[in-house]
N, C-alpha and C. Protein backbone atom coordinates (compact mmCIF):
# COMPACT_ATOMS: atom_id res chain seq x y z
N MET A 1 0.89 -0.93 0.15
CA MET A 1 -0.47 0.04 -0.06
C MET A 1 0.73 1.24 -0.23
N ASN A 2 0.81 2.31 -0.97
CA ASN A 2 1.90 3.56 -1.13
C ASN A 2 1.34 4.26 -0.06
N ARG A 3 1.92 5.18 0.09
CA ARG A 3 1.74 6.44 0.96
C ARG A 3 0.81 6.97 1.06
N ASN A 4 0.00 7.53 0.05
CA ASN A 4 -0.81 8.27 0.02
C ASN A 4 -2.53 7.58 0.50
N LYS A 5 -2.38 6.16 0.35
CA LYS A 5 -3.39 5.25 0.56
C LYS A 5 -3.42 4.97 1.81
N GLN A 6 -2.11 5.23 2.94
CA GLN A 6 -2.26 4.53 4.04
C GLN A 6 -2.87 5.89 5.05
N ILE A 7 -2.03 7.02 4.74
CA ILE A 7 -2.85 8.20 5.24
C ILE A 7 -3.86 8.43 5.18
N VAL A 8 -4.58 8.03 3.67
CA VAL A 8 -5.92 7.93 3.86
C VAL A 8 -6.50 7.08 4.66
N LYS A 9 -6.33 5.54 4.90
CA LYS A 9 -6.89 5.00 5.83
C LYS A 9 -6.81 5.07 7.16
N TYR A 10 -5.87 5.62 7.26
CA TYR A 10 -5.99 6.28 8.76
C TYR A 10 -6.48 7.12 8.86
N SER A 11 -6.75 8.47 8.53
CA SER A 11 -7.32 9.09 8.85
C SER A 11 -8.96 9.17 8.80
N LEU A 12 -9.43 7.38 7.54
CA LEU A 12 -10.85 7.05 7.52
C LEU A 12 -11.19 6.74 8.89
N PHE A 13 -10.48 5.97 9.22
CA PHE A 13 -10.60 5.08 10.59
C PHE A 13 -10.14 6.04 12.09
N GLY A 14 -9.71 7.60 11.95
CA GLY A 14 -9.80 8.57 12.53
C GLY A 14 -11.41 9.06 12.56
N ILE A 15 -11.51 9.44 11.33
CA ILE A 15 -12.98 9.71 11.43
C ILE A 15 -14.36 9.51 12.44
N LEU A 16 -13.64 7.97 11.65
CA LEU A 16 -15.55 6.99 12.55
C LEU A 16 -15.02 7.07 13.82
N LEU A 17 -14.06 6.82 14.11
CA LEU A 17 -13.52 7.17 15.85
C LEU A 17 -14.38 8.64 16.46
N ASN A 18 -13.55 9.25 15.72
CA ASN A 18 -13.90 10.42 16.72
C ASN A 18 -15.56 10.78 16.29
N VAL A 19 -16.41 10.30 15.56
CA VAL A 19 -18.08 10.27 15.07
C VAL A 19 -18.18 9.33 16.30
N PHE A 20 -17.75 8.27 16.80
CA PHE A 20 -18.47 7.37 17.50
C PHE A 20 -18.22 8.03 19.05
N LEU A 21 -16.97 8.51 19.67
CA LEU A 21 -16.63 8.85 20.60
C LEU A 21 -17.78 10.20 20.65
N SER A 22 -17.79 11.03 19.76
CA SER A 22 -18.08 12.59 19.74
C SER A 22 -20.01 12.40 20.19
N LEU A 23 -20.30 11.24 19.74
CA LEU A 23 -21.89 11.19 19.92
C LEU A 23 -22.11 10.73 21.53
N SER A 24 -21.42 9.67 21.43
CA SER A 24 -21.39 9.08 22.69
C SER A 24 -21.29 10.30 23.77
N LYS A 25 -20.14 11.15 23.85
CA LYS A 25 -19.65 12.26 24.82
C LYS A 25 -20.63 13.25 24.54
N ALA A 26 -21.62 13.36 23.78
CA ALA A 26 -22.69 14.73 23.32
C ALA A 26 -23.93 14.21 24.47
N ILE A 27 -23.89 12.59 24.18
CA ILE A 27 -25.44 12.30 24.74
C ILE A 27 -25.44 11.87 26.36
N VAL A 28 -24.01 12.10 26.50
CA VAL A 28 -23.76 11.58 28.07
C VAL A 28 -23.74 13.17 29.02
N GLY A 29 -22.85 14.30 27.95
CA GLY A 29 -22.71 15.72 28.64
C GLY A 29 -24.31 16.58 28.49
N ILE A 30 -25.17 15.80 27.54
CA ILE A 30 -26.52 16.73 27.46
C ILE A 30 -27.14 16.13 28.75
N PHE A 31 -27.23 14.80 28.80
CA PHE A 31 -27.91 13.96 29.90
C PHE A 31 -28.16 14.78 31.40
N ALA A 32 -26.24 15.13 31.56
CA ALA A 32 -25.59 14.92 32.98
C ALA A 32 -25.64 17.15 32.63
N LEU A 33 -25.97 17.71 31.76
CA LEU A 33 -26.08 19.05 31.82
C LEU A 33 -24.13 19.19 32.13
N SER A 34 -23.32 18.82 31.39
CA SER A 34 -21.97 18.76 32.13
C SER A 34 -21.51 19.10 30.71
N ILE A 35 -20.66 20.80 30.78
CA ILE A 35 -20.53 21.85 29.84
C ILE A 35 -18.88 20.89 29.64
N SER A 36 -18.35 20.60 30.49
CA SER A 36 -16.65 20.29 30.19
C SER A 36 -16.92 18.74 29.40
N ILE A 37 -17.69 17.64 29.33
CA ILE A 37 -17.86 16.09 28.75
C ILE A 37 -18.37 17.07 27.24
N ILE A 38 -19.21 18.02 27.31
CA ILE A 38 -19.81 18.39 26.13
C ILE A 38 -18.83 18.89 25.29
N LEU A 39 -17.90 19.41 25.43
CA LEU A 39 -16.82 19.98 24.97
C LEU A 39 -15.70 19.28 24.75
N ASP A 40 -15.48 18.27 25.05
CA ASP A 40 -14.66 16.74 24.90
C ASP A 40 -15.46 16.49 23.69
N ALA A 41 -16.93 16.63 23.71
CA ALA A 41 -17.64 16.08 22.64
C ALA A 41 -17.42 16.45 21.63
N VAL A 42 -17.22 18.23 21.26
CA VAL A 42 -17.31 19.21 20.11
C VAL A 42 -15.95 19.07 19.90
N ASN A 43 -14.76 18.71 20.94
CA ASN A 43 -13.28 18.50 20.09
C ASN A 43 -13.11 17.14 20.09
N ASN A 44 -14.04 16.21 19.82
CA ASN A 44 -13.84 15.14 18.81
C ASN A 44 -14.40 15.23 17.72
N LEU A 45 -15.48 16.21 17.35
CA LEU A 45 -16.38 15.83 16.33
C LEU A 45 -15.14 17.33 15.18
N THR A 46 -14.56 18.04 15.99
CA THR A 46 -13.33 18.80 15.46
C THR A 46 -12.66 18.05 14.55
N ASP A 47 -12.46 17.31 15.07
CA ASP A 47 -10.64 15.85 14.94
C ASP A 47 -11.19 15.07 13.65
N ALA A 48 -12.64 14.63 13.86
CA ALA A 48 -12.99 14.26 12.71
C ALA A 48 -12.98 15.23 11.77
N LEU A 49 -13.67 15.93 11.42
CA LEU A 49 -13.49 17.56 10.35
C LEU A 49 -11.97 17.66 9.73
N SER A 50 -10.59 17.44 11.01
CA SER A 50 -9.27 17.74 10.38
C SER A 50 -9.15 16.31 9.67
N SER A 51 -9.31 14.93 10.14
CA SER A 51 -9.47 14.38 9.44
C SER A 51 -9.87 14.06 8.16
N ILE A 52 -11.11 14.47 7.82
CA ILE A 52 -11.81 14.80 6.08
C ILE A 52 -10.66 15.60 5.53
N ILE A 53 -10.46 16.82 6.36
CA ILE A 53 -9.49 18.05 5.55
C ILE A 53 -7.84 17.11 5.04
N THR A 54 -7.44 16.37 6.03
CA THR A 54 -6.40 15.62 5.59
C THR A 54 -6.42 14.58 4.87
N ILE A 55 -7.37 13.78 4.09
CA ILE A 55 -7.78 13.19 3.34
C ILE A 55 -7.76 14.31 1.65
N ILE A 56 -8.54 15.45 1.99
CA ILE A 56 -8.80 15.84 0.70
C ILE A 56 -7.23 17.07 0.67
N GLY A 57 -6.40 17.42 1.55
CA GLY A 57 -5.20 17.60 1.69
C GLY A 57 -4.53 16.26 0.47
N VAL A 58 -4.44 15.16 0.94
CA VAL A 58 -3.43 14.01 0.64
C VAL A 58 -3.88 13.95 -0.90
N LYS A 59 -5.26 13.97 -0.91
CA LYS A 59 -5.68 13.78 -2.75
C LYS A 59 -5.19 14.81 -3.69
N LEU A 60 -5.05 15.94 -3.23
CA LEU A 60 -5.39 17.31 -3.77
C LEU A 60 -3.81 17.76 -4.22
N ALA A 61 -2.39 16.72 -3.13
CA ALA A 61 -1.36 17.04 -3.47
C ALA A 61 -1.07 15.62 -3.76
N ASN A 62 -1.62 14.82 -4.19
CA ASN A 62 -1.12 13.69 -5.55
C ASN A 62 -1.33 14.06 -6.55
N LYS A 63 -1.80 14.95 -7.08
CA LYS A 63 -2.24 15.78 -8.63
C LYS A 63 -0.52 15.58 -9.41
N ARG A 64 -0.82 15.81 -10.40
CA ARG A 64 0.45 15.62 -11.17
C ARG A 64 0.78 16.86 -11.26
N PRO A 65 1.98 17.66 -11.72
CA PRO A 65 2.81 18.43 -11.56
C PRO A 65 1.67 18.98 -13.00
N ASP A 66 1.04 20.67 -13.04
CA ASP A 66 0.96 20.95 -14.35
C ASP A 66 1.84 22.49 -14.49
N LYS A 67 1.45 23.21 -15.53
CA LYS A 67 1.89 24.34 -16.01
C LYS A 67 2.13 25.74 -15.31
N LYS A 68 1.27 25.59 -13.98
CA LYS A 68 0.97 26.97 -12.90
C LYS A 68 2.08 25.87 -11.96
N HIS A 69 2.12 25.11 -11.77
CA HIS A 69 2.68 23.76 -10.56
C HIS A 69 3.77 23.18 -11.35
N PRO A 70 4.59 23.09 -11.60
CA PRO A 70 5.77 22.55 -12.17
C PRO A 70 6.25 21.13 -11.68
N TYR A 71 6.21 21.91 -10.16
CA TYR A 71 7.20 21.15 -8.92
C TYR A 71 5.75 19.90 -8.06
N GLY A 72 4.16 20.29 -9.01
CA GLY A 72 3.84 19.43 -8.14
C GLY A 72 3.01 20.17 -7.01
N HIS A 73 2.33 19.15 -6.18
CA HIS A 73 0.94 20.18 -5.51
C HIS A 73 1.39 19.41 -3.60
N GLY A 74 2.96 19.17 -3.97
CA GLY A 74 2.81 18.58 -2.47
C GLY A 74 2.79 19.13 -1.53
N ARG A 75 3.02 20.67 -1.47
CA ARG A 75 2.71 21.35 -0.33
C ARG A 75 1.76 21.60 -0.26
N ILE A 76 0.31 20.64 -0.52
CA ILE A 76 -0.61 21.04 0.03
C ILE A 76 -1.20 20.61 1.47
N GLU A 77 -0.43 19.23 1.29
CA GLU A 77 -0.06 18.72 2.35
C GLU A 77 -0.08 19.26 3.99
N TYR A 78 0.86 19.94 4.06
CA TYR A 78 1.40 20.86 5.01
C TYR A 78 1.00 22.04 5.44
N LEU A 79 -0.29 22.71 3.63
CA LEU A 79 -1.79 23.71 4.18
C LEU A 79 -2.29 22.73 5.04
N THR A 80 -3.02 21.78 5.06
CA THR A 80 -3.83 20.85 5.69
C THR A 80 -3.75 21.20 7.07
N SER A 81 -2.54 20.74 7.50
CA SER A 81 -2.02 20.48 8.80
C SER A 81 -2.09 22.33 9.29
N LEU A 82 -2.02 23.18 8.66
CA LEU A 82 -2.48 24.65 8.80
C LEU A 82 -3.74 24.93 9.16
N ILE A 83 -4.57 24.57 8.18
CA ILE A 83 -6.21 24.50 8.55
C ILE A 83 -6.43 23.48 10.09
N ILE A 84 -6.05 22.40 10.08
CA ILE A 84 -6.13 21.78 11.41
C ILE A 84 -5.79 22.38 12.34
N GLY A 85 -4.81 23.34 12.09
CA GLY A 85 -4.58 24.13 13.43
C GLY A 85 -5.81 25.03 14.11
N VAL A 86 -5.69 25.79 12.95
CA VAL A 86 -6.70 26.74 12.53
C VAL A 86 -8.03 26.89 13.20
N ILE A 87 -8.40 25.05 12.87
CA ILE A 87 -9.62 24.83 12.87
C ILE A 87 -9.70 24.48 14.37
N ILE A 88 -8.57 23.99 15.52
CA ILE A 88 -8.42 23.86 16.79
C ILE A 88 -8.56 25.29 17.57
N LEU A 89 -7.69 26.06 16.54
CA LEU A 89 -7.88 27.55 17.65
C LEU A 89 -9.07 27.68 17.95
N ILE A 90 -9.61 28.19 16.29
CA ILE A 90 -11.65 28.71 17.12
C ILE A 90 -12.10 27.50 17.64
N THR A 91 -11.88 26.51 17.95
CA THR A 91 -12.74 25.63 18.85
C THR A 91 -12.44 26.28 20.05
N GLY A 92 -11.03 26.05 20.25
CA GLY A 92 -10.66 26.12 21.65
C GLY A 92 -11.29 27.74 22.34
N GLY A 93 -11.23 28.84 21.12
CA GLY A 93 -11.88 29.97 21.54
C GLY A 93 -13.00 30.04 22.17
N ALA A 94 -14.22 29.32 20.85
CA ALA A 94 -15.36 28.79 21.53
C ALA A 94 -15.39 28.38 23.13
N SER A 95 -14.97 27.34 23.21
CA SER A 95 -15.23 26.84 24.41
C SER A 95 -14.80 27.76 25.59
N LEU A 96 -13.60 28.69 25.29
CA LEU A 96 -13.29 29.07 26.40
C LEU A 96 -14.81 29.84 26.94
N TYR A 97 -14.65 30.41 25.33
CA TYR A 97 -16.47 32.07 25.99
C TYR A 97 -17.46 31.32 26.58
N GLU A 98 -17.36 29.59 26.32
CA GLU A 98 -18.76 29.07 26.62
C GLU A 98 -18.34 28.68 28.77
N SER A 99 -17.23 28.25 28.18
CA SER A 99 -16.59 27.79 29.79
C SER A 99 -16.96 29.28 31.06
N ILE A 100 -16.83 30.19 30.58
CA ILE A 100 -16.51 31.47 31.24
C ILE A 100 -17.95 31.80 31.93
N LEU A 101 -18.79 31.50 30.97
CA LEU A 101 -20.29 31.67 30.77
C LEU A 101 -20.65 30.34 31.92
N LYS A 102 -20.19 29.47 31.83
CA LYS A 102 -20.44 28.35 32.77
C LYS A 102 -19.91 28.44 34.52
N ILE A 103 -19.21 29.67 34.35
CA ILE A 103 -18.77 29.55 35.69
C ILE A 103 -19.97 30.97 36.33
N ILE A 104 -19.94 31.98 35.28
CA ILE A 104 -20.84 33.03 35.38
C ILE A 104 -22.32 32.44 36.20
N ASN A 105 -22.93 31.53 35.42
CA ASN A 105 -23.96 30.80 35.55
C ASN A 105 -23.31 29.49 36.02
N PRO A 106 -23.49 28.94 36.67
CA PRO A 106 -23.36 27.53 37.54
C PRO A 106 -24.38 26.47 37.02
N VAL A 107 -24.35 25.28 36.77
CA VAL A 107 -25.32 24.31 36.65
C VAL A 107 -24.69 23.08 37.53
N GLN A 108 -25.42 22.65 37.90
CA GLN A 108 -24.58 21.49 38.86
C GLN A 108 -25.15 20.63 37.85
N ALA A 109 -24.14 19.65 37.32
CA ALA A 109 -24.31 18.74 36.44
C ALA A 109 -24.60 17.58 38.02
N THR A 110 -24.95 16.26 36.73
CA THR A 110 -25.50 15.27 37.51
C THR A 110 -24.76 13.84 36.80
N TYR A 111 -23.98 12.91 37.17
CA TYR A 111 -22.81 11.96 36.68
C TYR A 111 -23.51 10.75 37.34
N GLU A 112 -23.36 9.76 36.24
CA GLU A 112 -23.96 8.16 36.26
C GLU A 112 -22.40 7.54 36.28
N ILE A 113 -22.96 5.89 36.55
CA ILE A 113 -21.17 5.05 36.53
C ILE A 113 -21.26 4.76 34.99
N TYR A 114 -22.02 4.85 34.07
CA TYR A 114 -21.86 4.89 32.45
C TYR A 114 -21.11 5.95 31.99
N THR A 115 -21.13 7.43 32.63
CA THR A 115 -20.17 8.29 32.62
C THR A 115 -18.92 8.15 32.59
N ILE A 116 -18.42 7.57 33.22
CA ILE A 116 -17.33 7.02 34.03
C ILE A 116 -16.53 5.69 32.94
N ILE A 117 -17.62 5.05 32.68
CA ILE A 117 -17.33 4.09 31.51
C ILE A 117 -17.06 4.66 30.19
N ILE A 118 -17.74 5.40 29.63
CA ILE A 118 -17.82 6.22 28.54
C ILE A 118 -16.11 6.83 28.05
N MET A 119 -15.93 7.60 29.39
CA MET A 119 -15.10 8.38 29.84
C MET A 119 -13.35 7.78 29.84
N VAL A 120 -13.36 6.51 30.12
CA VAL A 120 -11.99 5.52 30.32
C VAL A 120 -12.09 5.35 29.07
N VAL A 121 -13.23 4.26 28.54
CA VAL A 121 -12.98 3.97 27.02
C VAL A 121 -12.67 5.06 26.07
N GLY A 122 -12.84 6.06 25.99
CA GLY A 122 -12.60 7.29 25.08
C GLY A 122 -11.15 7.51 25.58
N ILE A 123 -10.55 7.62 26.83
CA ILE A 123 -8.86 7.68 27.13
C ILE A 123 -8.33 6.90 26.23
N ILE A 124 -9.03 5.20 26.53
CA ILE A 124 -7.56 4.12 26.11
C ILE A 124 -7.60 4.44 24.35
N LEU A 125 -8.61 4.41 23.80
CA LEU A 125 -9.17 4.69 22.26
C LEU A 125 -7.99 5.41 21.74
N LYS A 126 -7.84 7.29 22.55
CA LYS A 126 -7.51 7.89 21.90
C LYS A 126 -5.53 7.81 22.32
N VAL A 127 -5.30 7.29 22.90
CA VAL A 127 -4.13 7.37 23.53
C VAL A 127 -3.47 6.29 22.01
N VAL A 128 -3.96 4.64 22.44
CA VAL A 128 -3.79 3.83 21.31
C VAL A 128 -3.86 4.89 20.11
N PHE A 129 -5.01 5.07 19.65
CA PHE A 129 -4.86 6.01 18.03
C PHE A 129 -3.76 7.07 18.05
N GLY A 130 -3.59 8.10 18.82
CA GLY A 130 -2.28 8.57 19.13
C GLY A 130 -0.90 8.33 18.80
N LEU A 131 -0.66 7.49 19.66
CA LEU A 131 0.98 6.48 19.45
C LEU A 131 0.69 6.27 18.32
N LEU A 132 -0.19 5.25 17.71
CA LEU A 132 0.07 4.69 15.93
C LEU A 132 -0.23 6.06 15.28
N LEU A 133 -0.61 6.94 15.22
CA LEU A 133 -0.58 7.71 14.21
C LEU A 133 1.06 8.39 14.22
N ARG A 134 1.44 8.77 15.33
CA ARG A 134 2.98 9.41 15.77
C ARG A 134 3.62 8.07 14.99
N ASN A 135 3.61 6.94 14.99
CA ASN A 135 4.38 6.29 14.23
C ASN A 135 4.14 6.10 13.23
N LYS A 136 2.86 6.23 12.69
CA LYS A 136 2.74 6.02 11.55
C LYS A 136 3.20 7.26 10.20
N ALA A 137 3.20 8.53 11.20
CA ALA A 137 3.66 9.37 10.72
C ALA A 137 5.24 9.97 10.44
N LYS A 138 6.03 9.32 11.58
CA LYS A 138 7.40 9.30 11.81
C LYS A 138 7.60 8.81 9.97
N THR A 139 6.82 7.33 9.85
CA THR A 139 7.40 6.11 8.71
C THR A 139 7.51 6.59 7.34
N LEU A 140 5.84 7.58 7.42
CA LEU A 140 5.09 8.15 6.19
C LEU A 140 5.63 9.52 6.17
N GLN A 141 6.47 10.07 6.52
CA GLN A 141 6.84 11.09 6.51
C GLN A 141 5.35 12.24 6.18
N SER A 142 4.67 12.46 7.35
CA SER A 142 3.27 13.03 6.89
C SER A 142 3.16 13.94 8.72
N GLY A 143 3.00 15.58 8.08
CA GLY A 143 2.66 16.31 9.23
C GLY A 143 1.28 15.88 9.28
N ALA A 144 0.27 16.15 8.55
CA ALA A 144 -1.10 16.01 8.56
C ALA A 144 -1.26 14.47 9.76
N LEU A 145 -1.06 13.42 9.14
CA LEU A 145 -1.04 12.07 10.59
C LEU A 145 -0.19 12.90 12.05
N LYS A 146 1.29 13.33 12.02
CA LYS A 146 1.32 14.07 13.24
C LYS A 146 0.95 14.77 13.98
N ALA A 147 0.00 16.27 13.16
CA ALA A 147 -0.30 16.85 13.73
C ALA A 147 -2.06 15.84 14.37
N SER A 148 -1.95 14.84 14.04
CA SER A 148 -3.56 14.53 13.99
C SER A 148 -3.46 13.87 15.69
N GLY A 149 -2.09 12.88 15.04
CA GLY A 149 -2.01 12.49 16.31
C GLY A 149 -1.34 12.69 17.88
N THR A 150 -0.72 14.31 17.55
CA THR A 150 -0.80 14.96 18.41
C THR A 150 -1.78 15.91 19.61
N ASP A 151 -3.04 15.86 18.42
CA ASP A 151 -4.36 16.25 19.00
C ASP A 151 -5.04 14.82 19.55
N ALA A 152 -5.07 13.67 18.94
CA ALA A 152 -5.49 12.68 19.53
C ALA A 152 -5.05 12.19 21.30
N LEU A 153 -3.52 12.63 21.28
CA LEU A 153 -2.78 12.27 22.65
C LEU A 153 -3.33 13.74 23.82
N GLY A 154 -3.65 14.41 22.91
CA GLY A 154 -4.25 15.98 23.82
C GLY A 154 -5.45 15.79 24.23
N ASP A 155 -6.23 15.03 23.59
CA ASP A 155 -7.21 14.76 23.54
C ASP A 155 -7.61 13.14 25.41
N ALA A 156 -6.95 12.87 24.93
CA ALA A 156 -6.64 11.86 25.63
C ALA A 156 -6.28 12.32 27.35
N ILE A 157 -5.44 13.63 27.28
CA ILE A 157 -4.88 14.52 29.06
C ILE A 157 -6.49 15.39 29.51
N LEU A 158 -6.88 15.40 27.95
CA LEU A 158 -8.31 16.58 28.54
C LEU A 158 -9.48 15.94 28.70
N THR A 159 -9.83 14.45 27.82
CA THR A 159 -10.82 13.27 28.66
C THR A 159 -10.54 12.88 30.03
N SER A 160 -8.94 12.66 30.74
CA SER A 160 -8.73 12.29 31.89
C SER A 160 -9.21 13.21 32.68
N SER A 161 -8.52 14.89 32.60
CA SER A 161 -8.92 15.68 33.87
C SER A 161 -10.41 16.12 33.79
N VAL A 162 -11.06 15.35 32.32
CA VAL A 162 -12.51 15.39 32.62
C VAL A 162 -13.05 14.80 34.04
N LEU A 163 -12.78 13.31 33.29
CA LEU A 163 -13.04 12.32 34.72
C LEU A 163 -12.46 12.30 35.58
N ILE A 164 -11.31 12.93 35.93
CA ILE A 164 -11.13 13.36 37.90
C ILE A 164 -12.05 14.30 38.14
N SER A 165 -12.69 15.47 37.36
CA SER A 165 -13.78 15.89 37.77
C SER A 165 -14.99 15.51 38.18
N VAL A 166 -15.32 14.37 37.30
CA VAL A 166 -16.32 13.71 37.07
C VAL A 166 -16.49 12.94 38.68
N ILE A 167 -14.95 12.36 39.14
CA ILE A 167 -14.88 11.48 39.92
C ILE A 167 -14.83 12.13 41.47
N ILE A 168 -14.25 13.34 41.90
CA ILE A 168 -14.60 14.53 42.29
C ILE A 168 -15.54 14.90 42.44
N SER A 169 -16.85 15.03 41.83
CA SER A 169 -17.91 15.53 41.55
C SER A 169 -18.72 14.56 42.83
N LEU A 170 -19.09 13.07 42.12
CA LEU A 170 -19.41 11.90 42.68
C LEU A 170 -19.06 12.19 44.25
N ILE A 171 -17.59 12.28 44.85
CA ILE A 171 -17.18 11.99 46.27
C ILE A 171 -17.50 12.90 46.85
N TRP A 172 -17.26 14.07 46.24
CA TRP A 172 -17.54 15.45 47.18
C TRP A 172 -18.37 16.44 47.07
N ASN A 173 -18.75 15.98 45.98
CA ASN A 173 -20.15 17.32 45.76
C ASN A 173 -19.42 18.35 44.86
N VAL A 174 -18.29 18.53 44.55
CA VAL A 174 -17.99 19.41 44.52
C VAL A 174 -17.70 19.60 42.96
N SER A 175 -17.89 20.89 42.06
CA SER A 175 -18.53 21.02 40.80
C SER A 175 -17.02 22.00 40.39
N LEU A 176 -16.46 21.43 39.53
CA LEU A 176 -15.16 21.94 38.58
C LEU A 176 -15.50 22.46 37.03
N GLU A 177 -16.35 22.34 36.84
CA GLU A 177 -17.15 22.41 35.74
C GLU A 177 -16.37 23.17 34.63
N GLY A 178 -17.08 24.75 35.30
CA GLY A 178 -16.22 26.18 34.03
C GLY A 178 -15.13 26.20 34.23
N TYR A 179 -14.75 25.95 35.63
CA TYR A 179 -12.92 26.30 35.83
C TYR A 179 -12.36 25.46 34.91
N LEU A 180 -13.00 23.69 34.62
CA LEU A 180 -12.33 22.62 33.92
C LEU A 180 -11.96 23.08 32.07
N GLY A 181 -13.91 23.84 32.11
CA GLY A 181 -13.82 23.99 30.69
C GLY A 181 -12.91 25.06 30.44
N VAL A 182 -12.26 26.07 31.42
CA VAL A 182 -11.53 26.78 30.74
C VAL A 182 -9.76 26.13 30.76
N VAL A 183 -9.73 25.06 32.00
CA VAL A 183 -8.96 24.81 31.46
C VAL A 183 -8.73 24.03 30.46
N ILE A 184 -9.61 23.15 29.55
CA ILE A 184 -9.78 22.11 28.60
C ILE A 184 -9.64 23.11 26.92
N SER A 185 -9.75 24.48 27.45
CA SER A 185 -10.46 25.76 26.28
C SER A 185 -8.37 26.05 26.17
N LEU A 186 -8.21 26.79 27.30
CA LEU A 186 -6.56 27.10 26.51
C LEU A 186 -5.74 26.09 26.28
N PHE A 187 -6.20 24.97 26.90
CA PHE A 187 -4.91 23.42 26.53
C PHE A 187 -5.27 23.52 24.88
N ILE A 188 -6.50 23.41 24.59
CA ILE A 188 -6.68 23.36 23.15
C ILE A 188 -6.23 24.28 22.02
N ILE A 189 -6.21 25.67 22.68
CA ILE A 189 -5.65 26.63 22.19
C ILE A 189 -4.27 26.81 22.09
N LYS A 190 -3.72 26.00 22.82
CA LYS A 190 -1.89 26.22 22.92
C LYS A 190 -1.44 24.76 21.54
N THR A 191 -2.56 23.95 21.71
CA THR A 191 -2.41 22.65 20.02
C THR A 191 -2.55 23.30 19.46
N GLY A 192 -3.39 24.32 19.25
CA GLY A 192 -3.97 24.70 17.72
C GLY A 192 -2.75 25.69 17.40
N PHE A 193 -2.49 26.38 18.36
CA PHE A 193 -0.93 27.34 18.25
C PHE A 193 -0.03 26.58 17.79
N SER A 194 0.42 25.41 18.27
CA SER A 194 1.43 24.65 18.26
C SER A 194 1.55 24.17 16.67
N ILE A 195 0.50 23.38 15.89
CA ILE A 195 0.46 22.49 14.54
C ILE A 195 0.68 24.21 13.70
N ILE A 196 -0.29 25.13 13.64
CA ILE A 196 0.08 25.59 13.32
C ILE A 196 1.88 26.50 12.81
N LYS A 197 2.39 26.26 13.99
CA LYS A 197 3.72 27.11 14.19
C LYS A 197 4.46 25.72 13.50
N ASP A 198 4.06 24.51 13.59
CA ASP A 198 5.14 23.20 12.98
C ASP A 198 4.87 23.48 11.53
N ALA A 199 3.24 23.78 11.20
CA ALA A 199 2.72 23.93 9.90
C ALA A 199 3.37 25.02 8.72
N THR A 200 3.79 25.96 9.29
CA THR A 200 4.52 27.58 9.42
C THR A 200 5.56 26.89 8.62
N SER A 201 6.53 25.90 10.01
CA SER A 201 8.03 25.69 9.46
C SER A 201 7.93 25.30 8.23
N ASP A 202 7.30 24.04 8.08
CA ASP A 202 7.03 22.89 6.78
C ASP A 202 6.97 23.40 5.61
N ILE A 203 5.94 24.67 5.69
CA ILE A 203 5.86 25.31 4.33
C ILE A 203 7.02 26.05 4.22
N LEU A 204 7.53 26.65 5.08
CA LEU A 204 8.89 27.61 4.80
C LEU A 204 10.12 27.18 4.13
């Protein structure tokens, strides 16, 4: 299997994984009235969109050279990494806004045991997938896969923080929803800046 087909294959798998996690967390977050879980779901949905952009970038980068692009279209793949970074940055900004509103007007979330189960499954899947993408990114020399892998591992950390807040709420009845949302948002923004910086460096 050639390089481009492998990148598309892992990106398609990433889309399916992120859509599954997004739907699962969104349902749990809505029923629990949890802004942090809902934001985690939105972040997973953004990852699915990023994978779609990666596939489009690979397809366009594989186009044959033409008069306007005699050296081919390979740099389009770097541009897709840049777009992924921008999307993550926008998501982080929107999440930060919603989290601040949650602090101003707090609503007590209610959790069930299945909430913890879904969070744990999400963490495991994201860690395994993130490490797989990082490894394949080195083999295939793909900036887009590296960006997606870094984001997947970051998602695992974010979901872990959400899980900790859920456990704290269940044991001590202390809500960290809004404040955790701010932390998650800042982490997302930092990840977006990092990916944009790497993509810009590759382009230059």
